[in-house]
Full PDB file with SEQRES, HELIX, SHEET, SSBOND, CRYST1, ORIGX, SCALE, CONECT and MASTER records, all heavy atoms in Angstrom:
SEQRES   1 A   40  THR ALA LEU ALA MET ILE LEU GLY MET LEU PRO ILE ALA          
SEQRES   2 A   40  LEU ALA LEU GLY GLU GLY GLY GLU GLN ASN ALA PRO LEU          
SEQRES   3 A   40  GLY ARG ALA VAL ILE GLY GLY LEU VAL MET ALA THR VAL          
SEQRES   4 A   40  VAL                                                          
HELIX    1 AA1 ALA A    2  ALA A   13  1                                  12    
HELIX    2 AA2 ALA A   24  VAL A   39  1                                  16    
CRYST1    1.000    1.000    1.000  90.00  90.00  90.00 P 1           1          
ORIGX1      1.000000  0.000000  0.000000        0.00000                         
ORIGX2      0.000000  1.000000  0.000000        0.00000                         
ORIGX3      0.000000  0.000000  1.000000        0.00000                         
SCALE1      1.000000  0.000000  0.000000        0.00000                         
SCALE2      0.000000  1.000000  0.000000        0.00000                         
SCALE3      0.000000  0.000000  1.000000        0.00000                         
ATOM      1  N   THR A   1      12.458   8.983 -14.315  1.00  0.00           N  
ATOM      2  CA  THR A   1      12.381   7.578 -13.895  1.00  0.00           C  
ATOM      3  C   THR A   1      12.797   7.406 -12.438  1.00  0.00           C  
ATOM      4  O   THR A   1      12.128   6.708 -11.652  1.00  0.00           O  
ATOM      5  CB  THR A   1      13.272   6.718 -14.795  1.00  0.00           C  
ATOM      6  OG1 THR A   1      12.868   6.883 -16.157  1.00  0.00           O  
ATOM      7  CG2 THR A   1      13.173   5.252 -14.417  1.00  0.00           C  
ATOM      8  N   ALA A   2      13.901   8.048 -12.062  1.00  0.00           N  
ATOM      9  CA  ALA A   2      14.389   7.913 -10.687  1.00  0.00           C  
ATOM     10  C   ALA A   2      13.444   8.581  -9.689  1.00  0.00           C  
ATOM     11  O   ALA A   2      13.124   8.009  -8.638  1.00  0.00           O  
ATOM     12  CB  ALA A   2      15.789   8.508 -10.576  1.00  0.00           C  
ATOM     13  N   LEU A   3      12.966   9.792 -10.013  1.00  0.00           N  
ATOM     14  CA  LEU A   3      12.083  10.501  -9.089  1.00  0.00           C  
ATOM     15  C   LEU A   3      10.750   9.786  -8.914  1.00  0.00           C  
ATOM     16  O   LEU A   3      10.195   9.755  -7.812  1.00  0.00           O  
ATOM     17  CB  LEU A   3      11.857  11.939  -9.585  1.00  0.00           C  
ATOM     18  CG  LEU A   3      13.038  12.894  -9.428  1.00  0.00           C  
ATOM     19  CD1 LEU A   3      12.722  14.255 -10.026  1.00  0.00           C  
ATOM     20  CD2 LEU A   3      13.405  13.052  -7.948  1.00  0.00           C  
ATOM     21  N   ALA A   4      10.227   9.224  -9.991  1.00  0.00           N  
ATOM     22  CA  ALA A   4       8.959   8.498  -9.880  1.00  0.00           C  
ATOM     23  C   ALA A   4       9.107   7.320  -8.920  1.00  0.00           C  
ATOM     24  O   ALA A   4       8.229   7.066  -8.074  1.00  0.00           O  
ATOM     25  CB  ALA A   4       8.511   8.017 -11.254  1.00  0.00           C  
ATOM     26  N   MET A   5      10.215   6.599  -9.024  1.00  0.00           N  
ATOM     27  CA  MET A   5      10.435   5.458  -8.131  1.00  0.00           C  
ATOM     28  C   MET A   5      10.708   5.922  -6.706  1.00  0.00           C  
ATOM     29  O   MET A   5      10.215   5.323  -5.738  1.00  0.00           O  
ATOM     30  CB  MET A   5      11.610   4.630  -8.648  1.00  0.00           C  
ATOM     31  CG  MET A   5      11.702   3.250  -8.029  1.00  0.00           C  
ATOM     32  SD  MET A   5      10.309   2.222  -8.510  1.00  0.00           S  
ATOM     33  CE  MET A   5      10.746   0.682  -7.699  1.00  0.00           C  
ATOM     34  N   ILE A   6      11.472   7.002  -6.545  1.00  0.00           N  
ATOM     35  CA  ILE A   6      11.799   7.505  -5.209  1.00  0.00           C  
ATOM     36  C   ILE A   6      10.549   7.999  -4.497  1.00  0.00           C  
ATOM     37  O   ILE A   6      10.304   7.691  -3.320  1.00  0.00           O  
ATOM     38  CB  ILE A   6      12.866   8.611  -5.305  1.00  0.00           C  
ATOM     39  CG1 ILE A   6      14.208   8.015  -5.738  1.00  0.00           C  
ATOM     40  CG2 ILE A   6      13.016   9.327  -3.969  1.00  0.00           C  
ATOM     41  CD1 ILE A   6      15.274   9.056  -6.012  1.00  0.00           C  
ATOM     42  N   LEU A   7       9.730   8.795  -5.199  1.00  0.00           N  
ATOM     43  CA  LEU A   7       8.504   9.310  -4.581  1.00  0.00           C  
ATOM     44  C   LEU A   7       7.523   8.177  -4.268  1.00  0.00           C  
ATOM     45  O   LEU A   7       6.800   8.230  -3.271  1.00  0.00           O  
ATOM     46  CB  LEU A   7       7.848  10.340  -5.502  1.00  0.00           C  
ATOM     47  CG  LEU A   7       8.655  11.627  -5.728  1.00  0.00           C  
ATOM     48  CD1 LEU A   7       7.931  12.549  -6.697  1.00  0.00           C  
ATOM     49  CD2 LEU A   7       8.886  12.345  -4.398  1.00  0.00           C  
ATOM     50  N   GLY A   8       7.492   7.161  -5.115  1.00  0.00           N  
ATOM     51  CA  GLY A   8       6.616   6.032  -4.843  1.00  0.00           C  
ATOM     52  C   GLY A   8       7.055   5.224  -3.633  1.00  0.00           C  
ATOM     53  O   GLY A   8       6.215   4.652  -2.921  1.00  0.00           O  
ATOM     54  N   MET A   9       8.356   5.166  -3.388  1.00  0.00           N  
ATOM     55  CA  MET A   9       8.879   4.412  -2.254  1.00  0.00           C  
ATOM     56  C   MET A   9       8.978   5.237  -0.971  1.00  0.00           C  
ATOM     57  O   MET A   9       9.275   4.672   0.087  1.00  0.00           O  
ATOM     58  CB  MET A   9      10.276   3.866  -2.588  1.00  0.00           C  
ATOM     59  CG  MET A   9      10.266   2.732  -3.591  1.00  0.00           C  
ATOM     60  SD  MET A   9       9.514   1.251  -2.870  1.00  0.00           S  
ATOM     61  CE  MET A   9       9.447   0.182  -4.310  1.00  0.00           C  
ATOM     62  N   LEU A  10       8.719   6.528  -1.049  1.00  0.00           N  
ATOM     63  CA  LEU A  10       8.871   7.376   0.136  1.00  0.00           C  
ATOM     64  C   LEU A  10       7.922   6.984   1.270  1.00  0.00           C  
ATOM     65  O   LEU A  10       8.360   6.881   2.434  1.00  0.00           O  
ATOM     66  CB  LEU A  10       8.677   8.843  -0.258  1.00  0.00           C  
ATOM     67  CG  LEU A  10       9.067   9.887   0.802  1.00  0.00           C  
ATOM     68  CD1 LEU A  10      10.534   9.725   1.178  1.00  0.00           C  
ATOM     69  CD2 LEU A  10       8.791  11.292   0.301  1.00  0.00           C  
ATOM     70  N   PRO A  11       6.611   6.760   1.009  1.00  0.00           N  
ATOM     71  CA  PRO A  11       5.754   6.316   2.135  1.00  0.00           C  
ATOM     72  C   PRO A  11       6.196   4.991   2.742  1.00  0.00           C  
ATOM     73  O   PRO A  11       6.081   4.793   3.956  1.00  0.00           O  
ATOM     74  CB  PRO A  11       4.367   6.199   1.480  1.00  0.00           C  
ATOM     75  CG  PRO A  11       4.432   7.059   0.268  1.00  0.00           C  
ATOM     76  CD  PRO A  11       5.840   6.956  -0.223  1.00  0.00           C  
ATOM     77  N   ILE A  12       6.704   4.082   1.909  1.00  0.00           N  
ATOM     78  CA  ILE A  12       7.168   2.807   2.441  1.00  0.00           C  
ATOM     79  C   ILE A  12       8.418   3.007   3.290  1.00  0.00           C  
ATOM     80  O   ILE A  12       8.569   2.397   4.356  1.00  0.00           O  
ATOM     81  CB  ILE A  12       7.447   1.824   1.292  1.00  0.00           C  
ATOM     82  CG1 ILE A  12       6.171   1.578   0.485  1.00  0.00           C  
ATOM     83  CG2 ILE A  12       7.999   0.508   1.817  1.00  0.00           C  
ATOM     84  CD1 ILE A  12       6.370   0.661  -0.698  1.00  0.00           C  
ATOM     85  N   ALA A  13       9.321   3.881   2.836  1.00  0.00           N  
ATOM     86  CA  ALA A  13      10.556   4.123   3.589  1.00  0.00           C  
ATOM     87  C   ALA A  13      10.286   4.792   4.922  1.00  0.00           C  
ATOM     88  O   ALA A  13      11.018   4.567   5.897  1.00  0.00           O  
ATOM     89  CB  ALA A  13      11.512   4.975   2.756  1.00  0.00           C  
ATOM     90  N   LEU A  14       9.221   5.603   5.015  1.00  0.00           N  
ATOM     91  CA  LEU A  14       8.885   6.273   6.273  1.00  0.00           C  
ATOM     92  C   LEU A  14       8.105   5.377   7.216  1.00  0.00           C  
ATOM     93  O   LEU A  14       7.770   5.804   8.327  1.00  0.00           O  
ATOM     94  CB  LEU A  14       8.078   7.544   5.974  1.00  0.00           C  
ATOM     95  CG  LEU A  14       8.811   8.636   5.196  1.00  0.00           C  
ATOM     96  CD1 LEU A  14       7.877   9.792   4.900  1.00  0.00           C  
ATOM     97  CD2 LEU A  14      10.046   9.111   5.956  1.00  0.00           C  
ATOM     98  N   ALA A  15       7.809   4.151   6.790  1.00  0.00           N  
ATOM     99  CA  ALA A  15       7.090   3.177   7.622  1.00  0.00           C  
ATOM    100  C   ALA A  15       5.749   3.715   8.084  1.00  0.00           C  
ATOM    101  O   ALA A  15       5.366   3.594   9.252  1.00  0.00           O  
ATOM    102  CB  ALA A  15       7.949   2.754   8.816  1.00  0.00           C  
ATOM    103  N   LEU A  16       5.021   4.333   7.153  1.00  0.00           N  
ATOM    104  CA  LEU A  16       3.710   4.860   7.481  1.00  0.00           C  
ATOM    105  C   LEU A  16       2.682   3.735   7.499  1.00  0.00           C  
ATOM    106  O   LEU A  16       2.733   2.818   6.696  1.00  0.00           O  
ATOM    107  CB  LEU A  16       3.300   5.923   6.450  1.00  0.00           C  
ATOM    108  CG  LEU A  16       4.235   7.140   6.341  1.00  0.00           C  
ATOM    109  CD1 LEU A  16       3.740   8.086   5.266  1.00  0.00           C  
ATOM    110  CD2 LEU A  16       4.342   7.851   7.686  1.00  0.00           C  
ATOM    111  N   GLY A  17       1.754   3.830   8.408  1.00  0.00           N  
ATOM    112  CA  GLY A  17       0.705   2.830   8.496  1.00  0.00           C  
ATOM    113  C   GLY A  17       1.078   1.699   9.432  1.00  0.00           C  
ATOM    114  O   GLY A  17       2.233   1.536   9.854  1.00  0.00           O  
ATOM    115  N   GLU A  18       0.079   0.886   9.751  1.00  0.00           N  
ATOM    116  CA  GLU A  18       0.288  -0.227  10.658  1.00  0.00           C  
ATOM    117  C   GLU A  18       1.118  -1.316   9.991  1.00  0.00           C  
ATOM    118  O   GLU A  18       0.831  -1.728   8.872  1.00  0.00           O  
ATOM    119  CB  GLU A  18      -1.066  -0.802  11.094  1.00  0.00           C  
ATOM    120  CG  GLU A  18      -0.974  -1.875  12.152  1.00  0.00           C  
ATOM    121  CD  GLU A  18      -2.337  -2.354  12.599  1.00  0.00           C  
ATOM    122  OE1 GLU A  18      -3.336  -1.793  12.091  1.00  0.00           O  
ATOM    123  OE2 GLU A  18      -2.401  -3.262  13.434  1.00  0.00           O  
ATOM    124  N   GLY A  19       2.156  -1.767  10.666  1.00  0.00           N  
ATOM    125  CA  GLY A  19       3.038  -2.788  10.113  1.00  0.00           C  
ATOM    126  C   GLY A  19       3.972  -2.275   9.034  1.00  0.00           C  
ATOM    127  O   GLY A  19       4.549  -3.073   8.288  1.00  0.00           O  
ATOM    128  N   GLY A  20       4.136  -0.962   8.935  1.00  0.00           N  
ATOM    129  CA  GLY A  20       4.997  -0.400   7.896  1.00  0.00           C  
ATOM    130  C   GLY A  20       6.472  -0.654   8.133  1.00  0.00           C  
ATOM    131  O   GLY A  20       7.272  -0.562   7.191  1.00  0.00           O  
ATOM    132  N   GLU A  21       6.850  -0.984   9.369  1.00  0.00           N  
ATOM    133  CA  GLU A  21       8.268  -1.234   9.640  1.00  0.00           C  
ATOM    134  C   GLU A  21       8.786  -2.455   8.895  1.00  0.00           C  
ATOM    135  O   GLU A  21       9.992  -2.582   8.668  1.00  0.00           O  
ATOM    136  CB  GLU A  21       8.478  -1.433  11.144  1.00  0.00           C  
ATOM    137  CG  GLU A  21       8.160  -0.204  11.999  1.00  0.00           C  
ATOM    138  CD  GLU A  21       6.676  -0.105  12.313  1.00  0.00           C  
ATOM    139  OE1 GLU A  21       5.943  -1.021  11.872  1.00  0.00           O  
ATOM    140  OE2 GLU A  21       6.256   0.858  12.969  1.00  0.00           O  
ATOM    141  N   GLN A  22       7.891  -3.362   8.523  1.00  0.00           N  
ATOM    142  CA  GLN A  22       8.341  -4.585   7.860  1.00  0.00           C  
ATOM    143  C   GLN A  22       8.889  -4.296   6.470  1.00  0.00           C  
ATOM    144  O   GLN A  22       9.887  -4.892   6.053  1.00  0.00           O  
ATOM    145  CB  GLN A  22       7.178  -5.574   7.770  1.00  0.00           C  
ATOM    146  CG  GLN A  22       7.546  -6.892   7.108  1.00  0.00           C  
ATOM    147  CD  GLN A  22       6.391  -7.866   7.071  1.00  0.00           C  
ATOM    148  OE1 GLN A  22       5.296  -7.550   7.572  1.00  0.00           O  
ATOM    149  NE2 GLN A  22       6.593  -9.031   6.501  1.00  0.00           N  
ATOM    150  N   ASN A  23       8.244  -3.391   5.718  1.00  0.00           N  
ATOM    151  CA  ASN A  23       8.666  -3.090   4.354  1.00  0.00           C  
ATOM    152  C   ASN A  23       9.526  -1.840   4.258  1.00  0.00           C  
ATOM    153  O   ASN A  23       9.923  -1.465   3.150  1.00  0.00           O  
ATOM    154  CB  ASN A  23       7.432  -2.921   3.456  1.00  0.00           C  
ATOM    155  CG  ASN A  23       6.628  -4.199   3.334  1.00  0.00           C  
ATOM    156  OD1 ASN A  23       7.185  -5.286   3.318  1.00  0.00           O  
ATOM    157  ND2 ASN A  23       5.314  -4.067   3.269  1.00  0.00           N  
ATOM    158  N   ALA A  24       9.804  -1.180   5.391  1.00  0.00           N  
ATOM    159  CA  ALA A  24      10.614   0.047   5.351  1.00  0.00           C  
ATOM    160  C   ALA A  24      12.009  -0.193   4.783  1.00  0.00           C  
ATOM    161  O   ALA A  24      12.503   0.638   3.998  1.00  0.00           O  
ATOM    162  CB  ALA A  24      10.695   0.656   6.744  1.00  0.00           C  
ATOM    163  N   PRO A  25      12.717  -1.297   5.106  1.00  0.00           N  
ATOM    164  CA  PRO A  25      14.048  -1.491   4.508  1.00  0.00           C  
ATOM    165  C   PRO A  25      14.027  -1.557   2.984  1.00  0.00           C  
ATOM    166  O   PRO A  25      14.978  -1.106   2.339  1.00  0.00           O  
ATOM    167  CB  PRO A  25      14.504  -2.826   5.113  1.00  0.00           C  
ATOM    168  CG  PRO A  25      13.766  -2.933   6.394  1.00  0.00           C  
ATOM    169  CD  PRO A  25      12.432  -2.314   6.138  1.00  0.00           C  
ATOM    170  N   LEU A  26      12.957  -2.069   2.393  1.00  0.00           N  
ATOM    171  CA  LEU A  26      12.878  -2.130   0.928  1.00  0.00           C  
ATOM    172  C   LEU A  26      12.860  -0.728   0.344  1.00  0.00           C  
ATOM    173  O   LEU A  26      13.611  -0.419  -0.603  1.00  0.00           O  
ATOM    174  CB  LEU A  26      11.626  -2.916   0.525  1.00  0.00           C  
ATOM    175  CG  LEU A  26      11.429  -3.192  -0.969  1.00  0.00           C  
ATOM    176  CD1 LEU A  26      10.743  -4.542  -1.161  1.00  0.00           C  
ATOM    177  CD2 LEU A  26      10.549  -2.110  -1.625  1.00  0.00           C  
ATOM    178  N   GLY A  27      11.980   0.138   0.872  1.00  0.00           N  
ATOM    179  CA  GLY A  27      11.907   1.497   0.351  1.00  0.00           C  
ATOM    180  C   GLY A  27      13.183   2.284   0.563  1.00  0.00           C  
ATOM    181  O   GLY A  27      13.614   3.041  -0.318  1.00  0.00           O  
ATOM    182  N   ARG A  28      13.819   2.117   1.712  1.00  0.00           N  
ATOM    183  CA  ARG A  28      15.056   2.856   1.977  1.00  0.00           C  
ATOM    184  C   ARG A  28      16.185   2.400   1.064  1.00  0.00           C  
ATOM    185  O   ARG A  28      16.989   3.225   0.596  1.00  0.00           O  
ATOM    186  CB  ARG A  28      15.441   2.673   3.437  1.00  0.00           C  
ATOM    187  CG  ARG A  28      14.447   3.297   4.405  1.00  0.00           C  
ATOM    188  CD  ARG A  28      14.657   2.844   5.837  1.00  0.00           C  
ATOM    189  NE  ARG A  28      13.608   3.364   6.713  1.00  0.00           N  
ATOM    190  CZ  ARG A  28      13.431   3.008   7.985  1.00  0.00           C  
ATOM    191  NH1 ARG A  28      14.272   2.121   8.530  1.00  0.00           N  
ATOM    192  NH2 ARG A  28      12.464   3.519   8.708  1.00  0.00           N  
ATOM    193  N   ALA A  29      16.260   1.107   0.812  1.00  0.00           N  
ATOM    194  CA  ALA A  29      17.301   0.619  -0.095  1.00  0.00           C  
ATOM    195  C   ALA A  29      17.080   1.139  -1.510  1.00  0.00           C  
ATOM    196  O   ALA A  29      18.042   1.532  -2.195  1.00  0.00           O  
ATOM    197  CB  ALA A  29      17.312  -0.913  -0.088  1.00  0.00           C  
ATOM    198  N   VAL A  30      15.838   1.174  -1.971  1.00  0.00           N  
ATOM    199  CA  VAL A  30      15.553   1.672  -3.315  1.00  0.00           C  
ATOM    200  C   VAL A  30      15.888   3.157  -3.422  1.00  0.00           C  
ATOM    201  O   VAL A  30      16.516   3.604  -4.392  1.00  0.00           O  
ATOM    202  CB  VAL A  30      14.077   1.408  -3.667  1.00  0.00           C  
ATOM    203  CG1 VAL A  30      13.707   2.118  -4.967  1.00  0.00           C  
ATOM    204  CG2 VAL A  30      13.816  -0.080  -3.799  1.00  0.00           C  
ATOM    205  N   ILE A  31      15.488   3.927  -2.420  1.00  0.00           N  
ATOM    206  CA  ILE A  31      15.743   5.379  -2.467  1.00  0.00           C  
ATOM    207  C   ILE A  31      17.241   5.669  -2.434  1.00  0.00           C  
ATOM    208  O   ILE A  31      17.772   6.447  -3.249  1.00  0.00           O  
ATOM    209  CB  ILE A  31      15.022   6.066  -1.292  1.00  0.00           C  
ATOM    210  CG1 ILE A  31      13.506   5.986  -1.492  1.00  0.00           C  
ATOM    211  CG2 ILE A  31      15.459   7.527  -1.183  1.00  0.00           C  
ATOM    212  CD1 ILE A  31      12.705   6.541  -0.339  1.00  0.00           C  
ATOM    213  N   GLY A  32      17.957   5.056  -1.502  1.00  0.00           N  
ATOM    214  CA  GLY A  32      19.394   5.306  -1.431  1.00  0.00           C  
ATOM    215  C   GLY A  32      20.127   4.852  -2.679  1.00  0.00           C  
ATOM    216  O   GLY A  32      21.014   5.556  -3.183  1.00  0.00           O  
ATOM    217  N   GLY A  33      19.758   3.695  -3.200  1.00  0.00           N  
ATOM    218  CA  GLY A  33      20.422   3.208  -4.405  1.00  0.00           C  
ATOM    219  C   GLY A  33      20.147   4.079  -5.614  1.00  0.00           C  
ATOM    220  O   GLY A  33      21.063   4.348  -6.413  1.00  0.00           O  
ATOM    221  N   LEU A  34      18.898   4.544  -5.776  1.00  0.00           N  
ATOM    222  CA  LEU A  34      18.570   5.351  -6.957  1.00  0.00           C  
ATOM    223  C   LEU A  34      19.177   6.744  -6.875  1.00  0.00           C  
ATOM    224  O   LEU A  34      19.578   7.309  -7.906  1.00  0.00           O  
ATOM    225  CB  LEU A  34      17.053   5.446  -7.114  1.00  0.00           C  
ATOM    226  CG  LEU A  34      16.358   4.189  -7.648  1.00  0.00           C  
ATOM    227  CD1 LEU A  34      14.871   4.430  -7.809  1.00  0.00           C  
ATOM    228  CD2 LEU A  34      16.965   3.789  -8.985  1.00  0.00           C  
ATOM    229  N   VAL A  35      19.228   7.323  -5.678  1.00  0.00           N  
ATOM    230  CA  VAL A  35      19.825   8.664  -5.554  1.00  0.00           C  
ATOM    231  C   VAL A  35      21.285   8.644  -5.988  1.00  0.00           C  
ATOM    232  O   VAL A  35      21.741   9.455  -6.806  1.00  0.00           O  
ATOM    233  CB  VAL A  35      19.680   9.170  -4.107  1.00  0.00           C  
ATOM    234  CG1 VAL A  35      20.531  10.425  -3.899  1.00  0.00           C  
ATOM    235  CG2 VAL A  35      18.222   9.482  -3.799  1.00  0.00           C  
ATOM    236  N   MET A  36      22.047   7.714  -5.455  1.00  0.00           N  
ATOM    237  CA  MET A  36      23.459   7.656  -5.810  1.00  0.00           C  
ATOM    238  C   MET A  36      23.661   7.156  -7.229  1.00  0.00           C  
ATOM    239  O   MET A  36      24.557   7.646  -7.950  1.00  0.00           O  
ATOM    240  CB  MET A  36      24.192   6.742  -4.814  1.00  0.00           C  
ATOM    241  CG  MET A  36      25.706   6.723  -4.992  1.00  0.00           C  
ATOM    242  SD  MET A  36      26.452   8.364  -4.760  1.00  0.00           S  
ATOM    243  CE  MET A  36      26.110   8.617  -3.019  1.00  0.00           C  
ATOM    244  N   ALA A  37      22.841   6.199  -7.682  1.00  0.00           N  
ATOM    245  CA  ALA A  37      22.981   5.686  -9.039  1.00  0.00           C  
ATOM    246  C   ALA A  37      22.658   6.758 -10.070  1.00  0.00           C  
ATOM    247  O   ALA A  37      23.280   6.797 -11.144  1.00  0.00           O  
ATOM    248  CB  ALA A  37      22.072   4.470  -9.232  1.00  0.00           C  
ATOM    249  N   THR A  38      21.696   7.635  -9.783  1.00  0.00           N  
ATOM    250  CA  THR A  38      21.373   8.718 -10.717  1.00  0.00           C  
ATOM    251  C   THR A  38      22.536   9.701 -10.845  1.00  0.00           C  
ATOM    252  O   THR A  38      22.879  10.139 -11.954  1.00  0.00           O  
ATOM    253  CB  THR A  38      20.107   9.443 -10.245  1.00  0.00           C  
ATOM    254  OG1 THR A  38      19.032   8.508 -10.144  1.00  0.00           O  
ATOM    255  CG2 THR A  38      19.720  10.542 -11.215  1.00  0.00           C  
ATOM    256  N   VAL A  39      23.137  10.034  -9.714  1.00  0.00           N  
ATOM    257  CA  VAL A  39      24.296  10.935  -9.761  1.00  0.00           C  
ATOM    258  C   VAL A  39      25.439  10.288 -10.532  1.00  0.00           C  
ATOM    259  O   VAL A  39      26.104  10.937 -11.374  1.00  0.00           O  
ATOM    260  CB  VAL A  39      24.730  11.294  -8.325  1.00  0.00           C  
ATOM    261  CG1 VAL A  39      26.012  12.134  -8.351  1.00  0.00           C  
ATOM    262  CG2 VAL A  39      23.622  12.049  -7.609  1.00  0.00           C  
ATOM    263  N   VAL A  40      25.682   9.013 -10.289  1.00  0.00           N  
ATOM    264  CA  VAL A  40      26.751   8.317 -10.998  1.00  0.00           C  
ATOM    265  C   VAL A  40      26.433   8.205 -12.487  1.00  0.00           C  
ATOM    266  O   VAL A  40      27.321   8.375 -13.344  1.00  0.00           O  
ATOM    267  CB  VAL A  40      26.954   6.915 -10.370  1.00  0.00           C  
ATOM    268  CG1 VAL A  40      27.912   6.087 -11.217  1.00  0.00           C  
ATOM    269  CG2 VAL A  40      27.496   7.051  -8.960  1.00  0.00           C  
TER     270      VAL A  40                                                      
MASTER        0    0    0    2    0    0    0    6  269    1    0    4          
END                                                                             
């Protein structure tokens, strides 16, 4: 569950594509939260 969400948010977190910087904070927050939440 965590990896599927992390991999899905990876292109958004890298701000790929035109205007990707707008949604990059969403992907980074999801990835960081899920990585630490999975360990916890």
